[in-house]
Amino acid sequence: MDLKCKPGDWVEVHGIIFEVQDRLASLPEETRTVPFEMWIKGFALDECEKGQLCSIKTVTGRIIQGELTEVNPGYTQSFGPAVAELQRIGSELREQLWGVKEN
């Protein structure tokens, strides 16, 4: 993994939106006691090294500034393991509605 980016590179930046002392008192304790953070991906506008402040332009055109955390980041989100009942629901519904049986 590169530790440096140049303008135009796909990168991820991190920043703190609200520090703990700025969080609303009405929030649940487990939420209120941690900072509100952001991790945003976009195209670097500056040449930076990991850990430095970097400006990016998101795919929606927003200009954001944060600490460079990664160059050429991937996606790691998951919706969890497959649910067997949901895997068959589409074909079962088509069969019930239109009599179309699938393999």
PDB file of N, CA and C in Angstrom:
ATOM      1  N   MET A   1       0.840  -1.180   0.000  1.00  0.00           N
ATOM      2  CA  MET A   1       0.000   0.000   0.000  1.00  0.00           C
ATOM      3  C   MET A   1       0.886   1.244   0.000  1.00  0.00           C
ATOM      4  N   ASP A   2       0.557   2.185  -0.896  1.00  0.00           N
ATOM      5  CA  ASP A   2       1.297   3.443  -0.950  1.00  0.00           C
ATOM      6  C   ASP A   2       0.998   4.277   0.286  1.00  0.00           C
ATOM      7  N   LEU A   3       1.986   5.004   0.743  1.00  0.00           N
ATOM      8  CA  LEU A   3       1.811   5.890   1.887  1.00  0.00           C
ATOM      9  C   LEU A   3       1.724   7.338   1.443  1.00  0.00           C
ATOM     10  N   LYS A   4       1.738   7.568   0.136  1.00  0.00           N
ATOM     11  CA  LYS A   4       1.728   8.917  -0.413  1.00  0.00           C
ATOM     12  C   LYS A   4       0.737   8.960  -1.566  1.00  0.00           C
ATOM     13  N   CYS A   5       0.055  10.091  -1.720  1.00  0.00           N
ATOM     14  CA  CYS A   5      -0.872  10.243  -2.851  1.00  0.00           C
ATOM     15  C   CYS A   5      -0.494  11.479  -3.648  1.00  0.00           C
ATOM     16  N   LYS A   6      -0.963  11.473  -4.877  1.00  0.00           N
ATOM     17  CA  LYS A   6      -0.790  12.654  -5.728  1.00  0.00           C
ATOM     18  C   LYS A   6      -2.182  13.105  -6.162  1.00  0.00           C
ATOM     19  N   PRO A   7      -2.333  14.322  -6.646  1.00  0.00           N
ATOM     20  CA  PRO A   7      -3.651  14.792  -7.070  1.00  0.00           C
ATOM     21  C   PRO A   7      -4.292  13.830  -8.072  1.00  0.00           C
ATOM     22  N   GLY A   8      -5.561  13.536  -7.835  1.00  0.00           N
ATOM     23  CA  GLY A   8      -6.301  12.624  -8.703  1.00  0.00           C
ATOM     24  C   GLY A   8      -6.374  11.198  -8.205  1.00  0.00           C
ATOM     25  N   ASP A   9      -5.519  10.827  -7.232  1.00  0.00           N
ATOM     26  CA  ASP A   9      -5.563   9.473  -6.677  1.00  0.00           C
ATOM     27  C   ASP A   9      -6.848   9.273  -5.867  1.00  0.00           C
ATOM     28  N   TRP A  10      -7.383   8.054  -5.886  1.00  0.00           N
ATOM     29  CA  TRP A  10      -8.534   7.665  -5.074  1.00  0.00           C
ATOM     30  C   TRP A  10      -8.017   7.405  -3.660  1.00  0.00           C
ATOM     31  N   VAL A  11      -8.556   8.133  -2.683  1.00  0.00           N
ATOM     32  CA  VAL A  11      -8.041   8.060  -1.316  1.00  0.00           C
ATOM     33  C   VAL A  11      -9.189   8.055  -0.305  1.00  0.00           C
ATOM     34  N   GLU A  12      -8.827   7.796   0.947  1.00  0.00           N
ATOM     35  CA  GLU A  12      -9.769   7.897   2.054  1.00  0.00           C
ATOM     36  C   GLU A  12      -9.181   8.840   3.093  1.00  0.00           C
ATOM     37  N   VAL A  13     -10.040   9.727   3.628  1.00  0.00           N
ATOM     38  CA  VAL A  13      -9.611  10.626   4.694  1.00  0.00           C
ATOM     39  C   VAL A  13     -10.491  10.394   5.918  1.00  0.00           C
ATOM     40  N   HIS A  14      -9.965  10.757   7.064  1.00  0.00           N
ATOM     41  CA  HIS A  14     -10.659  10.596   8.347  1.00  0.00           C
ATOM     42  C   HIS A  14     -10.684  11.939   9.047  1.00  0.00           C
ATOM     43  N   GLY A  15     -11.758  12.173   9.765  1.00  0.00           N
ATOM     44  CA  GLY A  15     -11.854  13.397  10.550  1.00  0.00           C
ATOM     45  C   GLY A  15     -12.846  13.239  11.683  1.00  0.00           C
ATOM     46  N   ILE A  16     -12.783  14.152  12.616  1.00  0.00           N
ATOM     47  CA  ILE A  16     -13.715  14.180  13.750  1.00  0.00           C
ATOM     48  C   ILE A  16     -14.726  15.282  13.474  1.00  0.00           C
ATOM     49  N   ILE A  17     -16.010  14.924  13.452  1.00  0.00           N
ATOM     50  CA  ILE A  17     -17.075  15.895  13.254  1.00  0.00           C
ATOM     51  C   ILE A  17     -17.398  16.582  14.578  1.00  0.00           C
ATOM     52  N   PHE A  18     -17.619  15.777  15.640  1.00  0.00           N
ATOM     53  CA  PHE A  18     -17.883  16.302  16.983  1.00  0.00           C
ATOM     54  C   PHE A  18     -16.993  15.582  17.977  1.00  0.00           C
ATOM     55  N   GLU A  19     -16.272  16.343  18.785  1.00  0.00           N
ATOM     56  CA  GLU A  19     -15.524  15.767  19.895  1.00  0.00           C
ATOM     57  C   GLU A  19     -16.515  15.358  20.983  1.00  0.00           C
ATOM     58  N   VAL A  20     -16.063  14.519  21.924  1.00  0.00           N
ATOM     59  CA  VAL A  20     -16.939  14.024  22.988  1.00  0.00           C
ATOM     60  C   VAL A  20     -17.632  15.170  23.722  1.00  0.00           C
ATOM     61  N   GLN A  21     -16.904  16.221  24.042  1.00  0.00           N
ATOM     62  CA  GLN A  21     -17.487  17.337  24.798  1.00  0.00           C
ATOM     63  C   GLN A  21     -18.534  18.113  23.985  1.00  0.00           C
ATOM     64  N   ASP A  22     -18.571  17.917  22.680  1.00  0.00           N
ATOM     65  CA  ASP A  22     -19.533  18.615  21.827  1.00  0.00           C
ATOM     66  C   ASP A  22     -20.776  17.781  21.519  1.00  0.00           C
ATOM     67  N   ARG A  23     -20.803  16.530  21.983  1.00  0.00           N
ATOM     68  CA  ARG A  23     -21.948  15.656  21.721  1.00  0.00           C
ATOM     69  C   ARG A  23     -23.137  16.066  22.587  1.00  0.00           C
ATOM     70  N   LEU A  24     -24.333  15.842  22.091  1.00  0.00           N
ATOM     71  CA  LEU A  24     -25.542  16.194  22.831  1.00  0.00           C
ATOM     72  C   LEU A  24     -25.705  15.333  24.072  1.00  0.00           C
ATOM     73  N   ALA A  25     -26.115  15.936  25.161  1.00  0.00           N
ATOM     74  CA  ALA A  25     -26.331  15.207  26.411  1.00  0.00           C
ATOM     75  C   ALA A  25     -27.487  14.227  26.289  1.00  0.00           C
ATOM     76  N   SER A  26     -28.382  14.446  25.357  1.00  0.00           N
ATOM     77  CA  SER A  26     -29.558  13.580  25.196  1.00  0.00           C
ATOM     78  C   SER A  26     -29.251  12.269  24.464  1.00  0.00           C
ATOM     79  N   LEU A  27     -28.036  12.118  23.950  1.00  0.00           N
ATOM     80  CA  LEU A  27     -27.661  10.882  23.258  1.00  0.00           C
ATOM     81  C   LEU A  27     -27.469   9.749  24.264  1.00  0.00           C
ATOM     82  N   PRO A  28     -27.661   8.501  23.838  1.00  0.00           N
ATOM     83  CA  PRO A  28     -27.352   7.372  24.725  1.00  0.00           C
ATOM     84  C   PRO A  28     -25.885   7.439  25.151  1.00  0.00           C
ATOM     85  N   GLU A  29     -25.590   6.973  26.341  1.00  0.00           N
ATOM     86  CA  GLU A  29     -24.236   7.102  26.894  1.00  0.00           C
ATOM     87  C   GLU A  29     -23.172   6.498  25.981  1.00  0.00           C
ATOM     88  N   GLU A  30     -23.433   5.305  25.417  1.00  0.00           N
ATOM     89  CA  GLU A  30     -22.415   4.665  24.565  1.00  0.00           C
ATOM     90  C   GLU A  30     -22.143   5.459  23.299  1.00  0.00           C
ATOM     91  N   THR A  31     -23.067   6.307  22.891  1.00  0.00           N
ATOM     92  CA  THR A  31     -22.865   7.187  21.742  1.00  0.00           C
ATOM     93  C   THR A  31     -22.221   8.497  22.185  1.00  0.00           C
ATOM     94  N   ARG A  32     -22.685   9.029  23.270  1.00  0.00           N
ATOM     95  CA  ARG A  32     -22.249  10.329  23.784  1.00  0.00           C
ATOM     96  C   ARG A  32     -20.775  10.325  24.214  1.00  0.00           C
ATOM     97  N   THR A  33     -20.250   9.171  24.591  1.00  0.00           N
ATOM     98  CA  THR A  33     -18.889   9.116  25.151  1.00  0.00           C
ATOM     99  C   THR A  33     -17.792   8.841  24.125  1.00  0.00           C
ATOM    100  N   VAL A  34     -18.151   8.869  22.848  1.00  0.00           N
ATOM    101  CA  VAL A  34     -17.142   8.692  21.790  1.00  0.00           C
ATOM    102  C   VAL A  34     -17.293   9.820  20.774  1.00  0.00           C
ATOM    103  N   PRO A  35     -16.227  10.219  20.112  1.00  0.00           N
ATOM    104  CA  PRO A  35     -16.345  11.275  19.101  1.00  0.00           C
ATOM    105  C   PRO A  35     -17.166  10.799  17.896  1.00  0.00           C
ATOM    106  N   PHE A  36     -17.762  11.745  17.201  1.00  0.00           N
ATOM    107  CA  PHE A  36     -18.495  11.451  15.959  1.00  0.00           C
ATOM    108  C   PHE A  36     -17.482  11.607  14.840  1.00  0.00           C
ATOM    109  N   GLU A  37     -17.146  10.496  14.184  1.00  0.00           N
ATOM    110  CA  GLU A  37     -16.067  10.476  13.200  1.00  0.00           C
ATOM    111  C   GLU A  37     -16.588  10.292  11.778  1.00  0.00           C
ATOM    112  N   MET A  38     -15.734  10.640  10.810  1.00  0.00           N
ATOM    113  CA  MET A  38     -16.054  10.421   9.397  1.00  0.00           C
ATOM    114  C   MET A  38     -14.879   9.733   8.728  1.00  0.00           C
ATOM    115  N   TRP A  39     -15.196   8.879   7.774  1.00  0.00           N
ATOM    116  CA  TRP A  39     -14.229   8.292   6.852  1.00  0.00           C
ATOM    117  C   TRP A  39     -14.858   8.475   5.487  1.00  0.00           C
ATOM    118  N   ILE A  40     -14.217   9.230   4.629  1.00  0.00           N
ATOM    119  CA  ILE A  40     -14.796   9.569   3.329  1.00  0.00           C
ATOM    120  C   ILE A  40     -13.778   9.284   2.234  1.00  0.00           C
ATOM    121  N   LYS A  41     -14.282   8.715   1.144  1.00  0.00           N
ATOM    122  CA  LYS A  41     -13.432   8.420  -0.012  1.00  0.00           C
ATOM    123  C   LYS A  41     -13.659   9.473  -1.090  1.00  0.00           C
ATOM    124  N   GLY A  42     -12.613   9.753  -1.845  1.00  0.00           N
ATOM    125  CA  GLY A  42     -12.714  10.709  -2.939  1.00  0.00           C
ATOM    126  C   GLY A  42     -11.382  10.815  -3.660  1.00  0.00           C
ATOM    127  N   PHE A  43     -11.297  11.808  -4.517  1.00  0.00           N
ATOM    128  CA  PHE A  43     -10.086  12.023  -5.313  1.00  0.00           C
ATOM    129  C   PHE A  43      -9.229  13.110  -4.670  1.00  0.00           C
ATOM    130  N   ALA A  44      -7.969  12.798  -4.432  1.00  0.00           N
ATOM    131  CA  ALA A  44      -7.058  13.738  -3.775  1.00  0.00           C
ATOM    132  C   ALA A  44      -6.890  14.996  -4.612  1.00  0.00           C
ATOM    133  N   LEU A  45      -6.887  16.132  -3.924  1.00  0.00           N
ATOM    134  CA  LEU A  45      -6.625  17.407  -4.581  1.00  0.00           C
ATOM    135  C   LEU A  45      -5.204  17.867  -4.312  1.00  0.00           C
ATOM    136  N   ASP A  46      -4.557  17.231  -3.334  1.00  0.00           N
ATOM    137  CA  ASP A  46      -3.205  17.606  -2.911  1.00  0.00           C
ATOM    138  C   ASP A  46      -2.283  16.397  -2.994  1.00  0.00           C
ATOM    139  N   GLU A  47      -1.000  16.674  -2.969  1.00  0.00           N
ATOM    140  CA  GLU A  47      -0.017  15.610  -2.780  1.00  0.00           C
ATOM    141  C   GLU A  47       0.212  15.520  -1.278  1.00  0.00           C
ATOM    142  N   CYS A  48      -0.013  14.360  -0.699  1.00  0.00           N
ATOM    143  CA  CYS A  48       0.078  14.200   0.761  1.00  0.00           C
ATOM    144  C   CYS A  48       0.683  12.849   1.110  1.00  0.00           C
ATOM    145  N   GLU A  49       1.142  12.765   2.348  1.00  0.00           N
ATOM    146  CA  GLU A  49       1.577  11.494   2.904  1.00  0.00           C
ATOM    147  C   GLU A  49       0.550  11.058   3.925  1.00  0.00           C
ATOM    148  N   LYS A  50       0.487   9.744   4.166  1.00  0.00           N
ATOM    149  CA  LYS A  50      -0.442   9.197   5.149  1.00  0.00           C
ATOM    150  C   LYS A  50      -0.268   9.924   6.480  1.00  0.00           C
ATOM    151  N   GLY A  51      -1.388  10.333   7.080  1.00  0.00           N
ATOM    152  CA  GLY A  51      -1.350  11.051   8.349  1.00  0.00           C
ATOM    153  C   GLY A  51      -1.420  12.559   8.191  1.00  0.00           C
ATOM    154  N   GLN A  52      -1.180  13.068   6.979  1.00  0.00           N
ATOM    155  CA  GLN A  52      -1.246  14.514   6.741  1.00  0.00           C
ATOM    156  C   GLN A  52      -2.666  14.922   6.374  1.00  0.00           C
ATOM    157  N   LEU A  53      -2.953  16.214   6.541  1.00  0.00           N
ATOM    158  CA  LEU A  53      -4.234  16.770   6.139  1.00  0.00           C
ATOM    159  C   LEU A  53      -4.299  16.792   4.619  1.00  0.00           C
ATOM    160  N   CYS A  54      -5.414  16.295   4.081  1.00  0.00           N
ATOM    161  CA  CYS A  54      -5.562  16.162   2.631  1.00  0.00           C
ATOM    162  C   CYS A  54      -6.958  16.639   2.229  1.00  0.00           C
ATOM    163  N   SER A  55      -7.041  17.405   1.158  1.00  0.00           N
ATOM    164  CA  SER A  55      -8.329  17.810   0.599  1.00  0.00           C
ATOM    165  C   SER A  55      -8.704  16.828  -0.493  1.00  0.00           C
ATOM    166  N   ILE A  56      -9.988  16.436  -0.518  1.00  0.00           N
ATOM    167  CA  ILE A  56     -10.469  15.517  -1.539  1.00  0.00           C
ATOM    168  C   ILE A  56     -11.738  16.070  -2.172  1.00  0.00           C
ATOM    169  N   LYS A  57     -12.035  15.568  -3.363  1.00  0.00           N
ATOM    170  CA  LYS A  57     -13.306  15.865  -4.017  1.00  0.00           C
ATOM    171  C   LYS A  57     -14.048  14.541  -4.118  1.00  0.00           C
ATOM    172  N   THR A  58     -15.238  14.481  -3.500  1.00  0.00           N
ATOM    173  CA  THR A  58     -16.011  13.246  -3.508  1.00  0.00           C
ATOM    174  C   THR A  58     -16.660  13.048  -4.874  1.00  0.00           C
ATOM    175  N   VAL A  59     -17.223  11.870  -5.101  1.00  0.00           N
ATOM    176  CA  VAL A  59     -17.886  11.601  -6.371  1.00  0.00           C
ATOM    177  C   VAL A  59     -19.127  12.479  -6.555  1.00  0.00           C
ATOM    178  N   THR A  60     -19.644  13.049  -5.465  1.00  0.00           N
ATOM    179  CA  THR A  60     -20.786  13.964  -5.570  1.00  0.00           C
ATOM    180  C   THR A  60     -20.349  15.414  -5.691  1.00  0.00           C
ATOM    181  N   GLY A  61     -19.018  15.644  -5.745  1.00  0.00           N
ATOM    182  CA  GLY A  61     -18.502  16.988  -5.958  1.00  0.00           C
ATOM    183  C   GLY A  61     -18.209  17.787  -4.702  1.00  0.00           C
ATOM    184  N   ARG A  62     -18.406  17.201  -3.530  1.00  0.00           N
ATOM    185  CA  ARG A  62     -18.103  17.910  -2.278  1.00  0.00           C
ATOM    186  C   ARG A  62     -16.597  17.952  -2.059  1.00  0.00           C
ATOM    187  N   ILE A  63     -16.125  19.064  -1.524  1.00  0.00           N
ATOM    188  CA  ILE A  63     -14.711  19.199  -1.151  1.00  0.00           C
ATOM    189  C   ILE A  63     -14.646  18.981   0.359  1.00  0.00           C
ATOM    190  N   ILE A  64     -13.861  17.999   0.768  1.00  0.00           N
ATOM    191  CA  ILE A  64     -13.739  17.602   2.174  1.00  0.00           C
ATOM    192  C   ILE A  64     -12.257  17.599   2.528  1.00  0.00           C
ATOM    193  N   GLN A  65     -11.968  17.914   3.765  1.00  0.00           N
ATOM    194  CA  GLN A  65     -10.584  17.869   4.228  1.00  0.00           C
ATOM    195  C   GLN A  65     -10.504  16.939   5.431  1.00  0.00           C
ATOM    196  N   GLY A  66      -9.505  16.099   5.456  1.00  0.00           N
ATOM    197  CA  GLY A  66      -9.305  15.177   6.562  1.00  0.00           C
ATOM    198  C   GLY A  66      -7.909  14.601   6.518  1.00  0.00           C
ATOM    199  N   GLU A  67      -7.616  13.760   7.495  1.00  0.00           N
ATOM    200  CA  GLU A  67      -6.311  13.111   7.575  1.00  0.00           C
ATOM    201  C   GLU A  67      -6.272  11.937   6.603  1.00  0.00           C
ATOM    202  N   LEU A  68      -5.276  11.911   5.742  1.00  0.00           N
ATOM    203  CA  LEU A  68      -5.141  10.825   4.775  1.00  0.00           C
ATOM    204  C   LEU A  68      -4.915   9.508   5.512  1.00  0.00           C
ATOM    205  N   THR A  69      -5.812   8.537   5.286  1.00  0.00           N
ATOM    206  CA  THR A  69      -5.686   7.241   5.950  1.00  0.00           C
ATOM    207  C   THR A  69      -5.294   6.125   4.992  1.00  0.00           C
ATOM    208  N   GLU A  70      -5.678   6.268   3.714  1.00  0.00           N
ATOM    209  CA  GLU A  70      -5.385   5.188   2.776  1.00  0.00           C
ATOM    210  C   GLU A  70      -5.393   5.709   1.341  1.00  0.00           C
ATOM    211  N   VAL A  71      -4.508   5.163   0.535  1.00  0.00           N
ATOM    212  CA  VAL A  71      -4.462   5.457  -0.893  1.00  0.00           C
ATOM    213  C   VAL A  71      -5.014   4.233  -1.618  1.00  0.00           C
ATOM    214  N   ASN A  72      -5.918   4.474  -2.563  1.00  0.00           N
ATOM    215  CA  ASN A  72      -6.588   3.418  -3.319  1.00  0.00           C
ATOM    216  C   ASN A  72      -7.322   2.445  -2.399  1.00  0.00           C
ATOM    217  N   PRO A  73      -8.221   2.963  -1.547  1.00  0.00           N
ATOM    218  CA  PRO A  73      -8.932   2.095  -0.605  1.00  0.00           C
ATOM    219  C   PRO A  73      -9.970   1.228  -1.313  1.00  0.00           C
ATOM    220  N   GLY A  74     -10.223   0.084  -0.724  1.00  0.00           N
ATOM    221  CA  GLY A  74     -11.271  -0.805  -1.231  1.00  0.00           C
ATOM    222  C   GLY A  74     -12.540  -0.618  -0.416  1.00  0.00           C
ATOM    223  N   TYR A  75     -13.458  -1.522  -0.593  1.00  0.00           N
ATOM    224  CA  TYR A  75     -14.709  -1.502   0.165  1.00  0.00           C
ATOM    225  C   TYR A  75     -14.756  -2.753   1.023  1.00  0.00           C
ATOM    226  N   THR A  76     -15.121  -2.602   2.279  1.00  0.00           N
ATOM    227  CA  THR A  76     -15.108  -3.733   3.200  1.00  0.00           C
ATOM    228  C   THR A  76     -16.455  -3.979   3.859  1.00  0.00           C
ATOM    229  N   GLN A  77     -17.499  -3.223   3.473  1.00  0.00           N
ATOM    230  CA  GLN A  77     -18.783  -3.425   4.119  1.00  0.00           C
ATOM    231  C   GLN A  77     -19.354  -4.790   3.758  1.00  0.00           C
ATOM    232  N   SER A  78     -20.189  -5.290   4.638  1.00  0.00           N
ATOM    233  CA  SER A  78     -20.806  -6.595   4.437  1.00  0.00           C
ATOM    234  C   SER A  78     -22.222  -6.543   4.975  1.00  0.00           C
ATOM    235  N   PHE A  79     -23.098  -7.306   4.361  1.00  0.00           N
ATOM    236  CA  PHE A  79     -24.456  -7.415   4.867  1.00  0.00           C
ATOM    237  C   PHE A  79     -24.600  -8.706   5.661  1.00  0.00           C
ATOM    238  N   GLY A  80     -23.484  -9.308   6.039  1.00  0.00           N
ATOM    239  CA  GLY A  80     -23.509 -10.514   6.847  1.00  0.00           C
ATOM    240  C   GLY A  80     -23.632 -11.772   5.993  1.00  0.00           C
ATOM    241  N   PRO A  81     -23.759 -12.916   6.670  1.00  0.00           N
ATOM    242  CA  PRO A  81     -23.860 -14.179   5.940  1.00  0.00           C
ATOM    243  C   PRO A  81     -25.183 -14.279   5.183  1.00  0.00           C
ATOM    244  N   ALA A  82     -25.184 -15.112   4.157  1.00  0.00           N
ATOM    245  CA  ALA A  82     -26.396 -15.314   3.361  1.00  0.00           C
ATOM    246  C   ALA A  82     -27.487 -15.952   4.225  1.00  0.00           C
ATOM    247  N   VAL A  83     -28.741 -15.568   3.962  1.00  0.00           N
ATOM    248  CA  VAL A  83     -29.896 -16.124   4.660  1.00  0.00           C
ATOM    249  C   VAL A  83     -30.609 -17.037   3.664  1.00  0.00           C
ATOM    250  N   ALA A  84     -30.616 -18.329   3.951  1.00  0.00           N
ATOM    251  CA  ALA A  84     -31.152 -19.321   3.013  1.00  0.00           C
ATOM    252  C   ALA A  84     -32.565 -18.982   2.559  1.00  0.00           C
ATOM    253  N   GLU A  85     -33.417 -18.551   3.467  1.00  0.00           N
ATOM    254  CA  GLU A  85     -34.806 -18.245   3.114  1.00  0.00           C
ATOM    255  C   GLU A  85     -34.890 -17.110   2.098  1.00  0.00           C
ATOM    256  N   LEU A  86     -34.000 -16.149   2.197  1.00  0.00           N
ATOM    257  CA  LEU A  86     -34.022 -15.017   1.276  1.00  0.00           C
ATOM    258  C   LEU A  86     -33.439 -15.362  -0.090  1.00  0.00           C
ATOM    259  N   GLN A  87     -32.594 -16.372  -0.158  1.00  0.00           N
ATOM    260  CA  GLN A  87     -32.002 -16.758  -1.431  1.00  0.00           C
ATOM    261  C   GLN A  87     -33.042 -17.343  -2.380  1.00  0.00           C
ATOM    262  N   ARG A  88     -34.066 -17.965  -1.837  1.00  0.00           N
ATOM    263  CA  ARG A  88     -35.080 -18.619  -2.671  1.00  0.00           C
ATOM    264  C   ARG A  88     -36.319 -17.766  -2.882  1.00  0.00           C
ATOM    265  N   ILE A  89     -36.476 -16.677  -2.164  1.00  0.00           N
ATOM    266  CA  ILE A  89     -37.735 -15.943  -2.178  1.00  0.00           C
ATOM    267  C   ILE A  89     -38.117 -15.399  -3.550  1.00  0.00           C
ATOM    268  N   GLY A  90     -37.163 -14.941  -4.338  1.00  0.00           N
ATOM    269  CA  GLY A  90     -37.462 -14.397  -5.659  1.00  0.00           C
ATOM    270  C   GLY A  90     -38.064 -15.443  -6.587  1.00  0.00           C
ATOM    271  N   SER A  91     -37.442 -16.612  -6.660  1.00  0.00           N
ATOM    272  CA  SER A  91     -37.959 -17.657  -7.549  1.00  0.00           C
ATOM    273  C   SER A  91     -39.280 -18.214  -7.032  1.00  0.00           C
ATOM    274  N   GLU A  92     -39.437 -18.322  -5.703  1.00  0.00           N
ATOM    275  CA  GLU A  92     -40.712 -18.795  -5.141  1.00  0.00           C
ATOM    276  C   GLU A  92     -41.836 -17.813  -5.439  1.00  0.00           C
ATOM    277  N   LEU A  93     -41.559 -16.540  -5.356  1.00  0.00           N
ATOM    278  CA  LEU A  93     -42.569 -15.520  -5.635  1.00  0.00           C
ATOM    279  C   LEU A  93     -42.969 -15.532  -7.117  1.00  0.00           C
ATOM    280  N   ARG A  94     -41.984 -15.648  -8.007  1.00  0.00           N
ATOM    281  CA  ARG A  94     -42.312 -15.714  -9.444  1.00  0.00           C
ATOM    282  C   ARG A  94     -43.179 -16.937  -9.748  1.00  0.00           C
ATOM    283  N   GLU A  95     -42.885 -18.055  -9.090  1.00  0.00           N
ATOM    284  CA  GLU A  95     -43.685 -19.254  -9.302  1.00  0.00           C
ATOM    285  C   GLU A  95     -45.109 -19.049  -8.796  1.00  0.00           C
ATOM    286  N   GLN A  96     -45.269 -18.435  -7.619  1.00  0.00           N
ATOM    287  CA  GLN A  96     -46.606 -18.198  -7.068  1.00  0.00           C
ATOM    288  C   GLN A  96     -47.403 -17.191  -7.891  1.00  0.00           C
ATOM    289  N   LEU A  97     -46.758 -16.155  -8.363  1.00  0.00           N
ATOM    290  CA  LEU A  97     -47.471 -15.096  -9.095  1.00  0.00           C
ATOM    291  C   LEU A  97     -47.743 -15.475 -10.546  1.00  0.00           C
ATOM    292  N   TRP A  98     -46.781 -16.055 -11.215  1.00  0.00           N
ATOM    293  CA  TRP A  98     -46.896 -16.275 -12.651  1.00  0.00           C
ATOM    294  C   TRP A  98     -46.766 -17.728 -13.068  1.00  0.00           C
ATOM    295  N   GLY A  99     -46.584 -18.615 -12.143  1.00  0.00           N
ATOM    296  CA  GLY A  99     -46.444 -20.033 -12.474  1.00  0.00           C
ATOM    297  C   GLY A  99     -45.144 -20.362 -13.170  1.00  0.00           C
ATOM    298  N   VAL A 100     -44.163 -19.479 -13.068  1.00  0.00           N
ATOM    299  CA  VAL A 100     -42.853 -19.688 -13.707  1.00  0.00           C
ATOM    300  C   VAL A 100     -41.951 -20.427 -12.733  1.00  0.00           C
ATOM    301  N   LYS A 101     -41.645 -21.655 -13.044  1.00  0.00           N
ATOM    302  CA  LYS A 101     -40.773 -22.437 -12.176  1.00  0.00           C
ATOM    303  C   LYS A 101     -39.343 -22.349 -12.682  1.00  0.00           C
ATOM    304  N   GLU A 102     -38.429 -22.039 -11.798  1.00  0.00           N
ATOM    305  CA  GLU A 102     -37.008 -21.924 -12.156  1.00  0.00           C
ATOM    306  C   GLU A 102     -36.261 -23.149 -11.651  1.00  0.00           C
ATOM    307  N   ASN A 103     -35.105 -23.402 -12.228  1.00  0.00           N
ATOM    308  CA  ASN A 103     -34.296 -24.551 -11.816  1.00  0.00           C
ATOM    309  C   ASN A 103     -33.806 -24.420 -10.425  1.00  0.00           C
TER     310      ASN A 103
END
